[in-house]
C-alpha cells in the first residue's frame, strides 16, 4: 500500500474510533467478548488498540 493511502486509512480508522465513548455497554452483546472474556476481543478493546496508532 502506498504511504499516503496508508495514512488515509489510518485517518479514517481514527475518525471511526473517536465515535466510541468507551462506556462498555457493548460488552454484554459482543460475541467475541462472550466467548473469550477478554476485553481486547471486544469492540471497545479493539478501538483502544486502533486509537494507539
C-alpha atoms as a PDB file:
ATOM      1  CA  UNK A   1       0.000   0.000   0.000  1.00  0.00           C
ATOM      2  CA  UNK A   2       1.320   3.434  -0.869  1.00  0.00           C
ATOM      3  CA  UNK A   3       2.191   5.566   2.167  1.00  0.00           C
ATOM      4  CA  UNK A   4      -0.441   8.258   1.528  1.00  0.00           C
ATOM      5  CA  UNK A   5      -3.108   5.556   1.155  1.00  0.00           C
ATOM      6  CA  UNK A   6      -1.972   4.054   4.440  1.00  0.00           C
ATOM      7  CA  UNK A   7      -2.236   7.441   6.104  1.00  0.00           C
ATOM      8  CA  UNK A   8      -5.747   7.924   4.662  1.00  0.00           C
ATOM      9  CA  UNK A   9      -6.836   4.544   6.038  1.00  0.00           C
ATOM     10  CA  UNK A  10      -5.400   5.331   9.474  1.00  0.00           C
ATOM     11  CA  UNK A  11      -7.126   8.711   9.466  1.00  0.00           C
ATOM     12  CA  UNK A  12     -10.470   7.058   8.666  1.00  0.00           C
ATOM     13  CA  UNK A  13      -9.947   4.455  11.401  1.00  0.00           C
ATOM     14  CA  UNK A  14      -9.183   7.168  13.947  1.00  0.00           C
ATOM     15  CA  UNK A  15     -12.355   9.005  12.911  1.00  0.00           C
ATOM     16  CA  UNK A  16     -14.467   5.866  13.411  1.00  0.00           C
ATOM     17  CA  UNK A  17     -12.769   5.003  16.711  1.00  0.00           C
ATOM     18  CA  UNK A  18     -13.314   8.521  18.051  1.00  0.00           C
ATOM     19  CA  UNK A  19     -17.074   7.879  17.997  1.00  0.00           C
ATOM     20  CA  UNK A  20     -16.726   5.200  20.707  1.00  0.00           C
ATOM     21  CA  UNK A  21     -17.467   6.516  24.222  1.00  0.00           C
ATOM     22  CA  UNK A  22     -15.646   3.523  25.774  1.00  0.00           C
ATOM     23  CA  UNK A  23     -18.585   3.022  28.116  1.00  0.00           C
ATOM     24  CA  UNK A  24     -18.592  -0.783  27.904  1.00  0.00           C
ATOM     25  CA  UNK A  25     -22.280  -1.218  27.045  1.00  0.00           C
ATOM     26  CA  UNK A  26     -21.211  -3.250  24.020  1.00  0.00           C
ATOM     27  CA  UNK A  27     -19.535  -5.938  26.135  1.00  0.00           C
ATOM     28  CA  UNK A  28     -22.676  -7.946  27.019  1.00  0.00           C
ATOM     29  CA  UNK A  29     -23.718  -8.235  23.361  1.00  0.00           C
ATOM     30  CA  UNK A  30     -20.249  -8.768  21.882  1.00  0.00           C
ATOM     31  CA  UNK A  31     -19.946 -12.367  20.666  1.00  0.00           C
ATOM     32  CA  UNK A  32     -16.135 -12.391  20.896  1.00  0.00           C
ATOM     33  CA  UNK A  33     -16.092 -10.989  24.426  1.00  0.00           C
ATOM     34  CA  UNK A  34     -18.731 -13.531  25.436  1.00  0.00           C
ATOM     35  CA  UNK A  35     -16.583 -16.424  24.226  1.00  0.00           C
ATOM     36  CA  UNK A  36     -13.136 -15.224  25.217  1.00  0.00           C
ATOM     37  CA  UNK A  37     -13.918 -12.946  28.167  1.00  0.00           C
ATOM     38  CA  UNK A  38     -11.008 -10.742  27.157  1.00  0.00           C
ATOM     39  CA  UNK A  39     -11.765  -7.056  26.722  1.00  0.00           C
ATOM     40  CA  UNK A  40      -9.251  -6.703  23.885  1.00  0.00           C
ATOM     41  CA  UNK A  41     -11.558  -9.013  21.913  1.00  0.00           C
ATOM     42  CA  UNK A  42     -14.461  -6.573  22.256  1.00  0.00           C
ATOM     43  CA  UNK A  43     -15.151  -3.541  20.117  1.00  0.00           C
ATOM     44  CA  UNK A  44     -14.016  -1.290  22.965  1.00  0.00           C
ATOM     45  CA  UNK A  45     -10.719  -3.161  23.251  1.00  0.00           C
ATOM     46  CA  UNK A  46     -10.146  -3.056  19.517  1.00  0.00           C
ATOM     47  CA  UNK A  47     -10.914   0.661  19.499  1.00  0.00           C
ATOM     48  CA  UNK A  48      -8.331   1.194  22.234  1.00  0.00           C
ATOM     49  CA  UNK A  49      -5.758  -0.681  20.176  1.00  0.00           C
ATOM     50  CA  UNK A  50      -6.637   1.213  16.988  1.00  0.00           C
ATOM     51  CA  UNK A  51      -6.556   4.602  18.696  1.00  0.00           C
ATOM     52  CA  UNK A  52      -2.985   3.990  19.848  1.00  0.00           C
ATOM     53  CA  UNK A  53      -1.717   4.128  16.249  1.00  0.00           C
END
